[in-house]
Protein backbone atom coordinates (compact mmCIF):
# COMPACT_ATOMS: atom_id res chain seq x y z
CA UNK A 1 45.99 39.06 -37.69
CA UNK A 2 47.22 35.98 -35.89
CA UNK A 3 45.69 34.57 -32.70
CA UNK A 4 48.80 35.96 -31.02
CA UNK A 5 48.22 39.57 -32.09
CA UNK A 6 46.81 42.27 -29.84
CA UNK A 7 44.28 43.10 -32.57
CA UNK A 8 42.85 39.62 -32.39
CA UNK A 9 42.98 39.09 -28.62
CA UNK A 10 41.68 42.53 -27.64
CA UNK A 11 39.49 43.54 -30.58
CA UNK A 12 38.45 40.93 -33.15
CA UNK A 13 37.63 38.10 -30.75
CA UNK A 14 35.69 40.04 -28.08
CA UNK A 15 33.82 42.13 -30.67
CA UNK A 16 32.95 39.06 -32.75
CA UNK A 17 31.73 37.09 -29.73
CA UNK A 18 29.78 40.08 -28.40
CA UNK A 19 28.28 40.91 -31.79
CA UNK A 20 27.27 37.31 -32.40
CA UNK A 21 25.70 37.02 -28.97
CA UNK A 22 23.56 40.13 -29.44
CA UNK A 23 22.71 39.80 -33.13
CA UNK A 24 21.65 36.16 -32.95
CA UNK A 25 17.95 36.03 -33.75
CA UNK A 26 16.87 33.89 -36.70
CA UNK A 27 18.09 30.49 -37.85
CA UNK A 28 19.50 32.07 -41.03
CA UNK A 29 21.53 34.61 -39.11
CA UNK A 30 22.70 31.83 -36.79
CA UNK A 31 24.64 30.34 -39.71
CA UNK A 32 25.31 33.44 -41.82
CA UNK A 33 26.82 35.59 -39.08
CA UNK A 34 29.55 33.12 -37.95
CA UNK A 35 30.32 32.46 -41.64
CA UNK A 36 30.79 36.19 -42.24
CA UNK A 37 33.00 36.40 -39.14
CA UNK A 38 35.06 33.48 -40.47
CA UNK A 39 35.45 35.02 -43.94
CA UNK A 40 36.36 38.38 -42.37
CA UNK A 41 39.06 36.60 -40.35
CA UNK A 42 40.39 34.97 -43.52
CA UNK A 43 40.38 38.31 -45.35
CA UNK A 44 42.30 40.05 -42.55
CA UNK A 45 44.93 37.28 -42.57
CA UNK A 46 45.20 36.41 -46.27
CA UNK A 47 43.13 38.75 -48.44
CA UNK A 48 44.90 37.71 -51.65
CA UNK A 49 43.70 34.11 -51.35
CA UNK A 50 40.15 34.64 -50.08
CA UNK A 51 38.60 34.10 -53.51
CA UNK A 52 40.73 31.00 -54.00
CA UNK A 53 39.51 29.67 -50.64
CA UNK A 54 35.88 30.35 -51.57
CA UNK A 55 36.42 28.72 -54.97
CA UNK A 56 37.79 25.60 -53.26
CA UNK A 57 34.72 25.39 -51.02
CA UNK A 58 32.33 25.97 -53.90
CA UNK A 59 33.98 23.40 -56.15
CA UNK A 60 34.06 20.75 -53.44
CA UNK A 61 30.42 21.36 -52.47
CA UNK A 62 29.42 20.84 -56.13
CA UNK A 63 31.60 17.73 -56.32
CA UNK A 64 30.01 16.34 -53.15
CA UNK A 65 26.58 16.80 -54.72
CA UNK A 66 27.74 15.13 -57.92
CA UNK A 67 29.17 12.17 -56.00
CA UNK A 68 26.05 11.81 -53.89
CA UNK A 69 23.66 11.79 -56.85
CA UNK A 70 25.48 9.53 -59.32
CA UNK A 71 26.08 5.81 -59.47
CA UNK A 72 29.64 6.13 -60.71
CA UNK A 73 30.76 7.45 -57.35
CA UNK A 74 34.20 5.89 -57.45
CA UNK A 75 35.21 7.65 -60.65
CA UNK A 76 33.95 11.06 -59.52
CA UNK A 77 35.51 10.60 -56.08
CA UNK A 78 38.91 9.68 -57.57
CA UNK A 79 38.83 12.80 -59.77
CA UNK A 80 37.78 14.97 -56.83
CA UNK A 81 40.54 13.66 -54.54
CA UNK A 82 43.14 13.97 -57.31
CA UNK A 83 42.05 17.56 -57.95
CA UNK A 84 42.31 18.49 -54.28
CA UNK A 85 45.71 16.85 -53.87
CA UNK A 86 47.04 18.55 -57.01
CA UNK A 87 45.73 21.89 -55.71
CA UNK A 88 47.49 21.28 -52.40
CA UNK A 89 50.73 20.07 -54.01
CA UNK A 90 50.84 23.04 -56.38
CA UNK A 91 51.26 25.32 -53.37
CA UNK A 92 53.02 23.18 -50.78
CA UNK A 93 55.62 21.82 -53.20
CA UNK A 94 55.74 24.75 -55.64
CA UNK A 95 59.52 25.05 -55.33
CA UNK A 96 59.83 21.74 -57.21
CA UNK A 97 57.73 22.97 -60.14
CA UNK A 98 58.64 26.62 -60.71
CA UNK A 99 61.42 27.53 -63.11
CA UNK A 100 64.45 29.41 -61.74
CA UNK A 101 63.73 33.10 -61.29
CA UNK A 102 59.98 32.67 -60.74
CA UNK A 103 58.52 33.67 -57.39
CA UNK A 104 57.15 30.84 -55.24
CA UNK A 105 53.50 31.56 -54.39
CA UNK A 106 52.68 32.02 -50.71
CA UNK A 107 50.66 29.26 -49.10
CA UNK A 108 46.97 30.16 -48.70
CA UNK A 109 45.98 30.29 -45.03
CA UNK A 110 45.18 26.80 -43.71
CA UNK A 111 45.39 25.12 -47.13
CA UNK A 112 46.27 21.68 -45.71
CA UNK A 113 43.53 21.80 -43.11
CA UNK A 114 40.64 22.94 -45.29
CA UNK A 115 41.74 20.62 -48.12
CA UNK A 116 41.94 17.51 -45.91
CA UNK A 117 38.64 18.44 -44.22
CA UNK A 118 36.95 18.59 -47.62
CA UNK A 119 38.54 15.36 -48.86
CA UNK A 120 37.14 13.59 -45.79
CA UNK A 121 33.68 14.99 -46.55
CA UNK A 122 33.88 13.80 -50.17
CA UNK A 123 34.93 10.29 -49.14
CA UNK A 124 32.15 10.03 -46.55
CA UNK A 125 29.65 11.29 -49.12
CA UNK A 126 30.68 8.44 -51.43
CA UNK A 127 30.34 6.02 -48.51
CA UNK A 128 26.84 7.33 -47.76
CA UNK A 129 27.95 8.59 -44.34
CA UNK A 130 27.63 12.35 -44.96
CA UNK A 131 24.36 14.23 -45.03
CA UNK A 132 23.58 16.57 -47.90
CA UNK A 133 24.16 20.20 -47.02
CA UNK A 134 23.22 23.53 -48.52
CA UNK A 135 26.05 25.92 -49.49
CA UNK A 136 25.71 27.95 -46.28
CA UNK A 137 26.00 24.93 -44.00
CA UNK A 138 28.93 23.50 -45.94
CA UNK A 139 30.82 26.80 -46.11
CA UNK A 140 30.48 27.38 -42.37
CA UNK A 141 31.71 23.84 -41.63
CA UNK A 142 34.84 24.29 -43.78
CA UNK A 143 35.53 27.97 -43.06
CA UNK A 144 34.94 27.96 -39.28
CA UNK A 145 37.69 30.40 -38.38
CA UNK A 146 39.19 28.94 -35.16
CA UNK A 147 40.55 25.93 -37.07
CA UNK A 148 41.79 27.75 -40.17
CA UNK A 149 45.35 28.83 -39.24
CA UNK A 150 46.62 25.43 -38.02
CA UNK A 151 43.78 23.00 -37.49
CA UNK A 152 42.51 20.84 -35.97
CA UNK A 153 41.15 18.85 -38.88
CA UNK A 154 37.36 18.83 -38.64
CA UNK A 155 34.90 15.99 -39.18
CA UNK A 156 31.41 16.71 -40.47
CA UNK A 157 30.11 14.00 -38.12
CA UNK A 158 31.14 16.10 -35.13
CA UNK A 159 30.68 19.63 -36.46
CA UNK A 160 27.56 19.77 -38.61
CA UNK A 161 25.18 18.58 -35.84
CA UNK A 162 26.50 21.42 -33.68
CA UNK A 163 26.11 24.08 -36.37
CA UNK A 164 22.61 22.89 -37.21
CA UNK A 165 21.51 22.56 -33.59
CA UNK A 166 20.61 18.87 -33.77
CA UNK A 167 18.79 17.38 -30.80
CA UNK A 168 21.15 16.30 -28.06
CA UNK A 169 23.76 19.00 -28.68
CA UNK A 170 24.45 21.11 -25.62
CA UNK A 171 25.54 24.39 -27.16
CA UNK A 172 24.95 24.51 -30.93
CA UNK A 173 25.89 28.16 -31.49
CA UNK A 174 24.01 29.21 -28.35
CA UNK A 175 26.85 29.78 -25.85
CA UNK A 176 25.94 29.66 -22.18
CA UNK A 177 27.88 31.47 -19.41
CA UNK A 178 29.78 28.27 -18.67
CA UNK A 179 30.89 28.09 -22.31
CA UNK A 180 32.49 31.52 -21.96
CA UNK A 181 34.26 30.44 -18.77
CA UNK A 182 35.59 27.24 -20.32
CA UNK A 183 36.49 29.03 -23.55
CA UNK A 184 38.38 31.81 -21.80
CA UNK A 185 40.30 29.25 -19.71
CA UNK A 186 41.38 27.28 -22.78
CA UNK A 187 42.25 30.45 -24.70
CA UNK A 188 44.27 32.00 -21.85
CA UNK A 189 46.19 28.83 -21.02
CA UNK A 190 46.91 28.13 -24.68
CA UNK A 191 48.15 31.68 -25.22
CA UNK A 192 50.32 31.36 -22.11
CA UNK A 193 51.89 28.17 -23.47
CA UNK A 194 52.62 29.85 -26.78
CA UNK A 195 53.91 33.20 -25.56
CA UNK A 196 55.57 32.32 -22.24
CA UNK A 197 56.60 28.64 -22.26
CA UNK A 198 57.45 27.84 -25.89
CA UNK A 199 60.11 30.62 -26.14
CA UNK A 200 61.97 29.10 -23.16
CA UNK A 201 62.73 26.02 -25.23
CA UNK A 202 63.60 28.05 -28.31
CA UNK A 203 66.23 29.80 -26.18
CA UNK A 204 67.38 26.47 -24.70
CA UNK A 205 68.32 25.19 -28.18
CA UNK A 206 71.12 27.75 -28.44
CA UNK A 207 72.92 27.83 -31.78
CA UNK A 208 73.36 24.07 -32.17
CA UNK A 209 71.32 23.78 -35.38
CA UNK A 210 73.06 26.83 -36.85
CA UNK A 211 76.51 25.37 -36.13
CA UNK A 212 75.40 21.98 -37.45
CA UNK A 213 74.33 23.63 -40.71
CA UNK A 214 77.79 25.23 -40.99
CA UNK A 215 79.54 21.94 -40.23
CA UNK A 216 81.01 23.19 -36.94
CA UNK A 217 81.62 20.82 -34.00
CA UNK A 218 78.66 20.09 -31.70
CA UNK A 219 78.71 18.17 -28.43
CA UNK A 220 76.62 15.22 -27.24
CA UNK A 221 74.76 16.91 -24.37
CA UNK A 222 74.08 20.22 -26.13
CA UNK A 223 72.75 18.38 -29.20
CA UNK A 224 70.31 16.36 -27.11
CA UNK A 225 69.24 19.56 -25.33
CA UNK A 226 68.70 21.27 -28.69
CA UNK A 227 66.64 18.38 -30.12
CA UNK A 228 64.51 17.94 -27.02
CA UNK A 229 64.22 21.73 -26.81
CA UNK A 230 62.90 21.81 -30.38
CA UNK A 231 60.42 19.05 -29.51
CA UNK A 232 59.09 20.84 -26.42
CA UNK A 233 59.05 24.19 -28.21
CA UNK A 234 56.94 22.68 -31.00
CA UNK A 235 54.67 20.99 -28.47
CA UNK A 236 53.93 24.12 -26.46
CA UNK A 237 53.53 26.13 -29.66
CA UNK A 238 51.17 23.72 -31.42
CA UNK A 239 49.35 22.51 -28.30
CA UNK A 240 48.96 26.13 -27.21
CA UNK A 241 47.42 27.03 -30.56
CA UNK A 242 45.08 24.01 -30.46
CA UNK A 243 43.80 24.92 -27.01
CA UNK A 244 43.34 28.54 -28.07
CA UNK A 245 41.30 27.36 -31.07
CA UNK A 246 39.16 25.18 -28.78
CA UNK A 247 38.61 28.11 -26.44
CA UNK A 248 37.71 30.57 -29.21
CA UNK A 249 35.23 28.12 -30.72
CA UNK A 250 33.71 27.38 -27.32
CA UNK A 251 32.92 31.09 -26.88
CA UNK A 252 30.55 30.64 -29.84
CA UNK A 253 29.08 27.47 -28.34
CA UNK A 254 30.96 25.08 -30.63
CA UNK A 255 33.20 22.22 -29.47
CA UNK A 256 36.39 21.45 -31.39
CA UNK A 257 38.22 18.12 -31.06
CA UNK A 258 41.25 17.78 -28.82
CA UNK A 259 44.46 17.79 -30.86
CA UNK A 260 47.06 17.07 -28.14
CA UNK A 261 46.55 14.90 -25.09
CA UNK A 262 49.68 14.64 -22.93
CA UNK A 263 51.88 12.99 -25.62
CA UNK A 264 54.93 12.81 -23.35
CA UNK A 265 53.08 10.42 -21.05
CA UNK A 266 53.22 7.87 -23.88
CA UNK A 267 55.01 4.63 -23.09
CA UNK A 268 55.42 3.59 -26.75
CA UNK A 269 55.78 5.23 -30.18
CA UNK A 270 52.33 3.91 -31.15
CA UNK A 271 50.75 5.61 -28.15
CA UNK A 272 52.68 8.82 -28.87
CA UNK A 273 51.12 9.13 -32.31
CA UNK A 274 47.63 8.68 -30.84
CA UNK A 275 48.25 11.63 -28.52
CA UNK A 276 50.23 13.99 -30.79
CA UNK A 277 48.23 15.83 -33.49
CA UNK A 278 45.27 13.59 -32.79
CA UNK A 279 43.04 14.80 -35.63
CA UNK A 280 45.71 14.21 -38.28
CA UNK A 281 46.16 10.70 -36.91
CA UNK A 282 42.40 10.13 -37.02
CA UNK A 283 42.27 11.34 -40.62
CA UNK A 284 45.10 9.03 -41.66
CA UNK A 285 43.47 6.12 -39.82
CA UNK A 286 40.01 6.57 -41.38
CA UNK A 287 40.95 7.58 -44.92
CA UNK A 288 44.29 5.87 -45.56
CA UNK A 289 45.03 3.06 -43.11
CA UNK A 290 41.58 1.41 -43.06
CA UNK A 291 41.08 1.38 -46.85
CA UNK A 292 44.51 -0.25 -47.17
CA UNK A 293 43.69 -2.97 -44.63
CA UNK A 294 40.25 -4.14 -45.79
CA UNK A 295 41.78 -7.56 -46.33
CA UNK A 296 43.01 -8.82 -42.99
CA UNK A 297 46.52 -9.97 -43.93
CA UNK A 298 49.25 -9.17 -41.42
CA UNK A 299 51.59 -7.79 -44.07
CA UNK A 300 48.93 -5.31 -45.17
CA UNK A 301 48.70 -4.04 -41.60
CA UNK A 302 52.43 -3.31 -41.42
CA UNK A 303 52.58 -1.93 -44.95
CA UNK A 304 49.64 0.40 -44.23
CA UNK A 305 51.29 1.68 -41.05
CA UNK A 306 54.43 2.40 -43.01
CA UNK A 307 52.48 4.23 -45.74
CA UNK A 308 50.68 6.31 -43.12
CA UNK A 309 53.93 7.47 -41.51
CA UNK A 310 55.38 8.31 -44.92
CA UNK A 311 52.24 10.34 -45.70
CA UNK A 312 52.62 12.22 -42.40
CA UNK A 313 56.24 13.00 -43.30
CA UNK A 314 55.37 14.21 -46.80
CA UNK A 315 52.59 16.37 -45.32
CA UNK A 316 55.31 18.18 -43.36
CA UNK A 317 57.40 18.69 -46.49
CA UNK A 318 59.23 16.90 -49.29
CA UNK A 319 62.83 17.26 -48.13
CA UNK A 320 65.23 14.33 -47.92
CA UNK A 321 65.42 14.50 -44.09
CA UNK A 322 61.63 14.41 -43.83
CA UNK A 323 61.39 11.42 -46.16
CA UNK A 324 63.92 9.62 -43.95
CA UNK A 325 61.89 10.82 -40.95
CA UNK A 326 58.88 8.98 -42.41
CA UNK A 327 60.91 5.79 -42.84
CA UNK A 328 62.29 6.10 -39.29
CA UNK A 329 58.83 6.62 -37.75
CA UNK A 330 57.42 3.82 -39.90
CA UNK A 331 60.05 1.46 -38.52
CA UNK A 332 59.33 2.60 -34.96
CA UNK A 333 55.57 2.10 -35.24
CA UNK A 334 55.67 -1.19 -37.16
CA UNK A 335 58.36 -2.50 -34.82
CA UNK A 336 56.23 -1.55 -31.83
CA UNK A 337 53.25 -3.43 -33.29
CA UNK A 338 55.43 -6.45 -34.09
CA UNK A 339 56.74 -6.64 -30.51
CA UNK A 340 53.15 -6.57 -29.24
CA UNK A 341 52.10 -9.24 -31.74
CA UNK A 342 54.94 -11.52 -30.67
CA UNK A 343 54.10 -10.88 -26.99
CA UNK A 344 57.56 -9.45 -26.35
CA UNK A 345 55.95 -6.26 -25.05
CA UNK A 346 52.67 -6.22 -23.15
CA UNK A 347 50.04 -3.55 -23.91
CA UNK A 348 49.62 -2.91 -20.19
CA UNK A 349 52.90 -4.04 -18.68
CA UNK A 350 54.20 -3.26 -15.21
CA UNK A 351 55.72 -0.11 -13.78
CA UNK A 352 59.20 -0.98 -15.01
CA UNK A 353 58.01 -1.44 -18.59
CA UNK A 354 55.88 1.71 -18.34
CA UNK A 355 58.74 3.99 -17.27
CA UNK A 356 61.24 2.30 -19.56
CA UNK A 357 58.74 2.80 -22.39
CA UNK A 358 58.36 6.50 -21.58
CA UNK A 359 62.11 6.99 -21.56
CA UNK A 360 62.60 5.08 -24.82
CA UNK A 361 59.74 6.92 -26.54
CA UNK A 362 61.04 10.35 -25.55
CA UNK A 363 64.55 9.43 -26.69
CA UNK A 364 63.32 7.90 -29.97
CA UNK A 365 61.13 10.88 -30.85
CA UNK A 366 63.85 13.27 -29.72
CA UNK A 367 66.36 11.55 -32.01
CA UNK A 368 63.97 12.00 -34.95
CA UNK A 369 64.11 15.78 -34.45
CA UNK A 370 67.48 15.60 -36.25
CA UNK A 371 65.45 14.82 -39.39
CA UNK A 372 62.39 16.94 -38.60
CA UNK A 373 64.10 20.23 -37.72
CA UNK A 374 66.76 20.32 -40.45
CA UNK A 375 66.32 21.52 -44.05
CA UNK A 376 68.90 19.30 -45.76
CA UNK A 377 70.69 15.99 -45.36
CA UNK A 378 74.10 17.44 -44.51
CA UNK A 379 72.74 19.30 -41.47
CA UNK A 380 70.59 16.34 -40.44
CA UNK A 381 73.58 14.01 -40.66
CA UNK A 382 75.69 16.35 -38.53
CA UNK A 383 72.97 16.62 -35.87
CA UNK A 384 72.61 12.82 -35.78
CA UNK A 385 76.36 12.47 -35.31
CA UNK A 386 76.12 14.96 -32.45
CA UNK A 387 73.34 12.91 -30.84
CA UNK A 388 75.59 9.85 -31.05
CA UNK A 389 78.57 11.67 -29.52
CA UNK A 390 80.44 11.90 -32.82
CA UNK A 391 79.96 15.61 -33.43
CA UNK A 392 83.69 16.36 -33.08
CA UNK A 393 83.23 18.27 -29.80
CA UNK A 394 83.50 17.37 -26.14
CA UNK A 395 80.49 15.53 -24.77
CA UNK A 396 79.56 18.02 -22.07
CA UNK A 397 79.36 21.60 -23.41
CA UNK A 398 75.68 21.83 -22.43
CA UNK A 399 74.41 25.03 -20.84
CA UNK A 400 72.97 24.93 -17.33
CA UNK A 401 69.80 26.74 -18.46
CA UNK A 402 69.08 24.24 -21.23
CA UNK A 403 69.65 21.21 -19.02
CA UNK A 404 67.41 22.65 -16.29
CA UNK A 405 64.65 23.55 -18.76
CA UNK A 406 64.58 20.09 -20.34
CA UNK A 407 64.67 18.22 -17.01
CA UNK A 408 61.87 20.43 -15.65
CA UNK A 409 59.78 19.88 -18.78
CA UNK A 410 60.22 16.11 -18.64
CA UNK A 411 59.39 15.97 -14.91
CA UNK A 412 56.32 18.18 -15.32
CA UNK A 413 54.93 16.39 -18.36
CA UNK A 414 55.48 12.96 -16.80
CA UNK A 415 53.95 13.76 -13.41
CA UNK A 416 51.41 16.59 -13.70
CA UNK A 417 47.93 16.24 -15.24
CA UNK A 418 47.49 18.03 -18.55
CA UNK A 419 45.03 20.87 -19.05
CA UNK A 420 42.84 18.52 -21.09
CA UNK A 421 42.79 16.02 -18.21
CA UNK A 422 41.81 18.78 -15.77
CA UNK A 423 39.03 19.99 -18.08
CA UNK A 424 37.88 16.62 -19.43
CA UNK A 425 34.47 16.85 -17.74
CA UNK A 426 33.79 20.10 -19.60
CA UNK A 427 34.52 18.56 -22.99
CA UNK A 428 32.25 16.21 -24.98
CA UNK A 429 33.31 12.57 -24.99
CA UNK A 430 33.92 12.51 -28.76
CA UNK A 431 36.43 15.38 -28.52
CA UNK A 432 38.67 13.57 -26.00
CA UNK A 433 39.66 10.36 -27.73
CA UNK A 434 41.70 9.25 -24.71
CA UNK A 435 39.22 10.55 -22.17
CA UNK A 436 39.99 9.61 -18.56
CA UNK A 437 38.24 11.03 -15.57
CA UNK A 438 40.58 12.83 -13.21
CA UNK A 439 40.20 12.77 -9.46
CA UNK A 440 42.69 15.60 -9.01
CA UNK A 441 41.65 18.37 -6.65
CA UNK A 442 42.95 20.70 -9.38
CA UNK A 443 40.21 19.67 -11.84
CA UNK A 444 38.61 22.68 -13.50
CA UNK A 445 35.52 24.23 -11.98
CA UNK A 446 34.19 27.78 -11.76
CA UNK A 447 36.11 28.99 -8.70
CA UNK A 448 38.16 31.91 -7.45
CA UNK A 449 41.39 29.88 -7.67
CA UNK A 450 40.87 29.06 -11.34
CA UNK A 451 39.76 32.64 -12.08
CA UNK A 452 43.00 33.97 -10.57
CA UNK A 453 45.10 31.39 -12.45
CA UNK A 454 43.44 32.27 -15.76
CA UNK A 455 43.78 36.01 -15.13
CA UNK A 456 47.49 35.71 -14.27
CA UNK A 457 48.17 33.47 -17.30
CA UNK A 458 46.32 35.86 -19.62
CA UNK A 459 48.09 38.95 -18.27
CA UNK A 460 51.54 37.35 -18.55
CA UNK A 461 50.74 36.15 -22.07
CA UNK A 462 49.54 39.58 -23.19
CA UNK A 463 52.61 41.28 -21.70
CA UNK A 464 54.88 38.95 -23.68
CA UNK A 465 52.80 38.97 -26.85
CA UNK A 466 54.76 41.58 -28.80
CA UNK A 467 57.85 39.32 -28.86
CA UNK A 468 55.98 36.19 -29.97
CA UNK A 469 56.59 34.67 -33.39
CA UNK A 470 53.91 33.17 -35.61
CA UNK A 471 52.74 29.62 -34.89
CA UNK A 472 55.04 26.97 -36.33
CA UNK A 473 52.18 25.22 -38.15
CA UNK A 474 50.42 28.37 -39.40
CA UNK A 475 50.04 28.25 -43.16
CA UNK A 476 50.61 24.49 -43.45
């Protein structure tokens, strides 16, 4: 029962929100009821792994208590992290461990997201930055259903105060009418991106990757269209999901962090990775980069950046193209930092540098799709040759539809405010890491114009829902 199923959109979500709203009475029910809703969602999506999911939460809650109570925190923390990573690797990289003829186990729903969320909690417990929780509080924090299929990664610092209704929180599981309006807007627009916009770029890719895998000739223009099409398809798919998750959670009075904030407005690779999959970047920064750079040597800074990008690549998979993708992105990011350090590129810069930076960043990330979207080195190599005009075909066999779609996407993403920008005033400051106030007359507010826009987007999305595939990052 995906977010993009009629059962979810027309039955599970409205009934859950309505039931929660009308059954909310005591503080115990306030936590128990959303936990039961979350576990029911997990059961309906992945019944075979529900007990495994609960066992993971139970084991990590016990480990957090053990780490918090004992002096030898480092030893217990190392064992806990190793156990979680082995658990994750056993499923994500099972094909490397199983003997021929054995079936590869299916990934439990959201295994990467709930595992990383729990690792962060364990580390912060060892640092003395996480409060002790009872099993109910901890389980709700980890199992909160809007983030389970594909994130975002959650931080206890942001989520637990909301679940527990700490002073100063605006909603805390007590949704107001405005929460429903904001939540429905985010849900409808996210669903529209997934079901109506993302498929356009899937179609624009044509059969370039298929022909590349077969070793057939591919042209320069059509290969760039295919790679940029894959990039925009992934963006509208993943960004659409993230906004749907924010909207669903908001209908229960809970804020989720922003996961995508106009990444194509980035004027450098460094900026791109602070706008694309924001919560994964924050996790890598807090729990990998900073521990590696406690000593302030310059070489440690560059080495840590490189390690982080390799970790991001391995998180996506352990294929040869993805490992090279990590090296490529590591070189981009460290090179970007080096140019800034040597004052060859200004952080602010003028208009010329800004637009040149946007163009370079889009091209550089688009080129990396040759490594990101291909399963093996032979196909990746062929796509890269196509991007360089050496794909053994004429340079211009690009379809009119694909060219138009890519140019329209670039123009729109470079010039128009994003949905997050338009709704920034409705989101808490901590959830918008690049928060900027917008003066646009289009900024979200309860109005007839926005109501019509949301209604049209939701209707179009629902009409197209039956043809929609699962989210690209579901099951990661």
